[in-house]
C-alpha atoms as a PDB file:
ATOM      1  CA  MET A   1      43.281 143.254 163.165  1.00  0.00           C
ATOM      2  CA  ALA A   2      40.711 140.922 161.710  1.00  0.00           C
ATOM      3  CA  THR A   3      37.020 140.251 161.626  1.00  0.00           C
ATOM      4  CA  PRO A   4      35.710 137.913 164.333  1.00  0.00           C
ATOM      5  CA  THR A   5      35.705 134.177 163.827  1.00  0.00           C
ATOM      6  CA  PRO A   6      31.971 133.476 163.809  1.00  0.00           C
ATOM      7  CA  THR A   7      30.244 130.461 165.290  1.00  0.00           C
ATOM      8  CA  THR A   8      28.397 128.756 162.425  1.00  0.00           C
ATOM      9  CA  TRP A   9      26.466 125.634 161.604  1.00  0.00           C
ATOM     10  CA  THR A  10      24.177 124.519 158.808  1.00  0.00           C
ATOM     11  CA  GLU A  11      21.445 121.885 158.789  1.00  0.00           C
ATOM     12  CA  TRP A  12      20.435 120.460 155.381  1.00  0.00           C
ATOM     13  CA  ASN A  13      18.198 117.484 154.579  1.00  0.00           C
ATOM     14  CA  GLY A  14      18.505 117.677 150.782  1.00  0.00           C
ATOM     15  CA  SER A  15      15.480 119.915 150.303  1.00  0.00           C
ATOM     16  CA  ARG A  16      15.308 122.312 153.294  1.00  0.00           C
ATOM     17  CA  GLY A  17      17.916 123.846 155.515  1.00  0.00           C
ATOM     18  CA  MET A  18      18.807 126.345 158.202  1.00  0.00           C
ATOM     19  CA  ALA A  19      22.059 128.265 158.687  1.00  0.00           C
ATOM     20  CA  TYR A  20      23.194 129.811 161.990  1.00  0.00           C
ATOM     21  CA  TRP A  21      25.846 132.560 162.142  1.00  0.00           C
ATOM     22  CA  HIS A  22      27.000 134.450 165.258  1.00  0.00           C
ATOM     23  CA  GLY A  23      29.863 136.926 165.572  1.00  0.00           C
ATOM     24  CA  VAL A  24      31.103 139.253 168.309  1.00  0.00           C
ATOM     25  CA  TRP A  25      33.514 142.035 167.335  1.00  0.00           C
ATOM     26  CA  THR A  26      36.634 143.056 169.249  1.00  0.00           C
ATOM     27  CA  THR A  27      37.803 145.280 166.362  1.00  0.00           C
ATOM     28  CA  ALA A  28      36.216 147.612 163.810  1.00  0.00           C
ATOM     29  CA  ASP A  29      36.835 145.268 160.863  1.00  0.00           C
ATOM     30  CA  ASN A  30      33.882 144.504 158.587  1.00  0.00           C
ATOM     31  CA  PHE A  31      33.001 141.361 156.661  1.00  0.00           C
ATOM     32  CA  THR A  32      32.794 141.762 152.873  1.00  0.00           C
ATOM     33  CA  ASP A  33      31.010 139.089 150.796  1.00  0.00           C
ATOM     34  CA  SER A  34      31.571 136.390 153.423  1.00  0.00           C
ATOM     35  CA  ALA A  35      29.702 133.133 152.677  1.00  0.00           C
ATOM     36  CA  ILE A  36      26.949 132.259 155.144  1.00  0.00           C
ATOM     37  CA  VAL A  37      25.520 129.437 152.992  1.00  0.00           C
ATOM     38  CA  ASP A  38      27.948 127.811 150.540  1.00  0.00           C
ATOM     39  CA  ILE A  39      25.658 125.592 148.477  1.00  0.00           C
ATOM     40  CA  SER A  40      28.576 123.576 147.049  1.00  0.00           C
ATOM     41  CA  GLY A  41      29.178 122.361 150.613  1.00  0.00           C
ATOM     42  CA  LEU A  42      25.635 120.981 150.953  1.00  0.00           C
ATOM     43  CA  THR A  43      25.063 117.277 150.254  1.00  0.00           C
ATOM     44  CA  PRO A  44      23.370 116.792 147.876  1.00  0.00           C
ATOM     45  CA  ALA A  45      24.269 120.219 146.482  1.00  0.00           C
ATOM     46  CA  PRO A  46      21.348 122.163 144.966  1.00  0.00           C
ATOM     47  CA  ASN A  47      21.796 124.495 142.001  1.00  0.00           C
ATOM     48  CA  VAL A  48      19.894 127.333 143.695  1.00  0.00           C
ATOM     49  CA  VAL A  49      18.305 127.839 147.107  1.00  0.00           C
ATOM     50  CA  LYS A  50      15.304 129.994 147.978  1.00  0.00           C
ATOM     51  CA  VAL A  51      15.264 131.963 151.220  1.00  0.00           C
ATOM     52  CA  LEU A  52      12.154 131.251 153.272  1.00  0.00           C
ATOM     53  CA  GLY A  53      12.899 133.533 156.214  1.00  0.00           C
ATOM     54  CA  VAL A  54      15.583 135.373 158.154  1.00  0.00           C
ATOM     55  CA  LYS A  55      15.826 136.161 161.854  1.00  0.00           C
ATOM     56  CA  ALA A  56      18.504 138.546 163.092  1.00  0.00           C
ATOM     57  CA  GLN A  57      19.678 139.974 166.403  1.00  0.00           C
ATOM     58  CA  LEU A  58      21.903 143.049 166.104  1.00  0.00           C
ATOM     59  CA  ASN A  59      23.610 144.567 169.148  1.00  0.00           C
ATOM     60  CA  GLY A  60      25.377 147.884 168.614  1.00  0.00           C
ATOM     61  CA  ASP A  61      25.389 150.323 165.715  1.00  0.00           C
ATOM     62  CA  ILE A  62      26.021 147.598 163.136  1.00  0.00           C
ATOM     63  CA  GLY A  63      24.643 147.323 159.607  1.00  0.00           C
ATOM     64  CA  ALA A  64      24.469 144.115 157.580  1.00  0.00           C
ATOM     65  CA  THR A  65      23.498 143.089 154.061  1.00  0.00           C
ATOM     66  CA  LEU A  66      22.541 139.586 152.929  1.00  0.00           C
ATOM     67  CA  GLU A  67      22.885 138.905 149.202  1.00  0.00           C
ATOM     68  CA  PHE A  68      23.043 136.074 146.711  1.00  0.00           C
ATOM     69  CA  ASP A  69      26.531 135.865 145.223  1.00  0.00           C
ATOM     70  CA  ALA A  70      26.528 136.724 141.490  1.00  0.00           C
ATOM     71  CA  THR A  71      28.422 138.885 139.009  1.00  0.00           C
ATOM     72  CA  SER A  72      26.271 141.712 140.382  1.00  0.00           C
ATOM     73  CA  ASP A  73      25.112 140.443 143.779  1.00  0.00           C
ATOM     74  CA  VAL A  74      21.332 140.135 144.306  1.00  0.00           C
ATOM     75  CA  LEU A  75      19.994 141.770 147.484  1.00  0.00           C
ATOM     76  CA  ILE A  76      18.106 139.545 149.910  1.00  0.00           C
ATOM     77  CA  TYR A  77      17.782 141.971 152.814  1.00  0.00           C
ATOM     78  CA  GLU A  78      19.564 144.983 154.287  1.00  0.00           C
ATOM     79  CA  PHE A  79      19.647 145.528 158.038  1.00  0.00           C
ATOM     80  CA  ILE A  80      20.059 149.281 158.558  1.00  0.00           C
ATOM     81  CA  ASN A  81      22.459 150.321 161.324  1.00  0.00           C
ATOM     82  CA  GLN A  82      20.825 149.783 164.672  1.00  0.00           C
ATOM     83  CA  SER A  83      21.534 152.020 167.669  1.00  0.00           C
ATOM     84  CA  ASP A  84      21.053 149.312 170.280  1.00  0.00           C
ATOM     85  CA  SER A  85      19.813 145.731 170.522  1.00  0.00           C
ATOM     86  CA  SER A  86      17.320 144.881 167.775  1.00  0.00           C
ATOM     87  CA  LEU A  87      15.531 141.629 166.989  1.00  0.00           C
ATOM     88  CA  ILE A  88      14.380 141.481 163.376  1.00  0.00           C
ATOM     89  CA  ASP A  89      12.139 138.773 161.929  1.00  0.00           C
ATOM     90  CA  VAL A  90      11.925 138.790 158.130  1.00  0.00           C
ATOM     91  CA  ALA A  91       9.502 136.027 157.234  1.00  0.00           C
ATOM     92  CA  ASP A  92       7.795 137.191 154.065  1.00  0.00           C
ATOM     93  CA  PHE A  93       9.768 135.137 151.541  1.00  0.00           C
ATOM     94  CA  SER A  94       6.881 132.905 150.562  1.00  0.00           C
ATOM     95  CA  ASN A  95       5.910 131.239 147.329  1.00  0.00           C
ATOM     96  CA  GLY A  96       3.485 134.103 146.783  1.00  0.00           C
ATOM     97  CA  PRO A  97       4.156 137.806 146.386  1.00  0.00           C
ATOM     98  CA  SER A  98       6.954 138.857 148.737  1.00  0.00           C
ATOM     99  CA  GLY A  99       6.820 142.621 148.841  1.00  0.00           C
ATOM    100  CA  GLY A 100       9.461 143.047 146.145  1.00  0.00           C
ATOM    101  CA  ARG A 101      12.129 141.004 147.949  1.00  0.00           C
ATOM    102  CA  THR A 102      13.961 138.406 145.885  1.00  0.00           C
ATOM    103  CA  GLY A 103      13.930 135.049 147.650  1.00  0.00           C
ATOM    104  CA  TYR A 104      16.306 133.371 145.183  1.00  0.00           C
ATOM    105  CA  SER A 105      19.213 134.366 142.983  1.00  0.00           C
ATOM    106  CA  THR A 106      18.306 135.828 139.604  1.00  0.00           C
ATOM    107  CA  GLY A 107      21.705 137.337 138.851  1.00  0.00           C
ATOM    108  CA  ALA A 108      24.006 136.446 135.960  1.00  0.00           C
ATOM    109  CA  GLY A 109      27.022 134.482 137.118  1.00  0.00           C
ATOM    110  CA  GLY A 110      25.191 133.477 140.289  1.00  0.00           C
ATOM    111  CA  THR A 111      26.744 130.820 142.508  1.00  0.00           C
ATOM    112  CA  GLY A 112      23.603 130.472 144.632  1.00  0.00           C
ATOM    113  CA  ASP A 113      25.655 131.177 147.791  1.00  0.00           C
ATOM    114  CA  ILE A 114      24.258 133.517 150.448  1.00  0.00           C
ATOM    115  CA  ILE A 115      26.831 136.129 151.466  1.00  0.00           C
ATOM    116  CA  LEU A 116      27.149 138.694 154.270  1.00  0.00           C
ATOM    117  CA  THR A 117      28.637 142.201 154.257  1.00  0.00           C
ATOM    118  CA  THR A 118      28.747 144.274 157.446  1.00  0.00           C
ATOM    119  CA  THR A 119      29.169 148.026 157.945  1.00  0.00           C
ATOM    120  CA  ASN A 120      29.903 150.400 160.806  1.00  0.00           C
ATOM    121  CA  VAL A 121      31.035 147.715 163.279  1.00  0.00           C
ATOM    122  CA  ALA A 122      32.809 148.545 166.520  1.00  0.00           C
ATOM    123  CA  SER A 123      34.314 146.520 169.319  1.00  0.00           C
ATOM    124  CA  GLY A 124      31.494 144.966 171.343  1.00  0.00           C
ATOM    125  CA  ASP A 125      29.030 144.771 168.440  1.00  0.00           C
ATOM    126  CA  GLU A 126      27.275 141.450 167.959  1.00  0.00           C
ATOM    127  CA  LEU A 127      25.299 139.861 165.119  1.00  0.00           C
ATOM    128  CA  THR A 128      23.291 136.631 165.133  1.00  0.00           C
ATOM    129  CA  LEU A 129      21.565 135.310 161.997  1.00  0.00           C
ATOM    130  CA  LEU A 130      19.221 132.390 161.356  1.00  0.00           C
ATOM    131  CA  ILE A 131      18.491 131.830 157.665  1.00  0.00           C
ATOM    132  CA  PHE A 132      15.830 129.342 156.597  1.00  0.00           C
ATOM    133  CA  PHE A 133      16.095 128.114 152.995  1.00  0.00           C
ATOM    134  CA  GLU A 134      15.001 125.389 150.630  1.00  0.00           C
ATOM    135  CA  LYS A 135      16.063 123.930 147.313  1.00  0.00           C
ATOM    136  CA  LYS A 136      14.527 126.021 144.537  1.00  0.00           C
ATOM    137  CA  THR A 137      12.535 123.852 142.165  1.00  0.00           C
END
């Protein structure tokens, strides 16, 4: 058994980008620290990116956590297990106060990558993510 092979793509113009990730489960295997945005793969590669917004569609009783990869990962957002289809729009990562959410990596040993961990997946569950980000200046 294995996690699904997600459909992914990333757009990057050197200062702003968008990542798309979509997976449909046929097993109950979770993702653990799976890279959604690998900044070393961006050209030109930034040192750190800042999350501007996240849109998510969760189908099934799935939970998901987005974090910045670091020695101790830095939480971006946690999607609590949903009991049915949920559309979530997290768009408060601005240059001003952001309600306590960290829009960029502040952790020691940070790679700047955005990673995904899922919980409580079952066959038939589905997750779609759109992550909007920019080069942190």
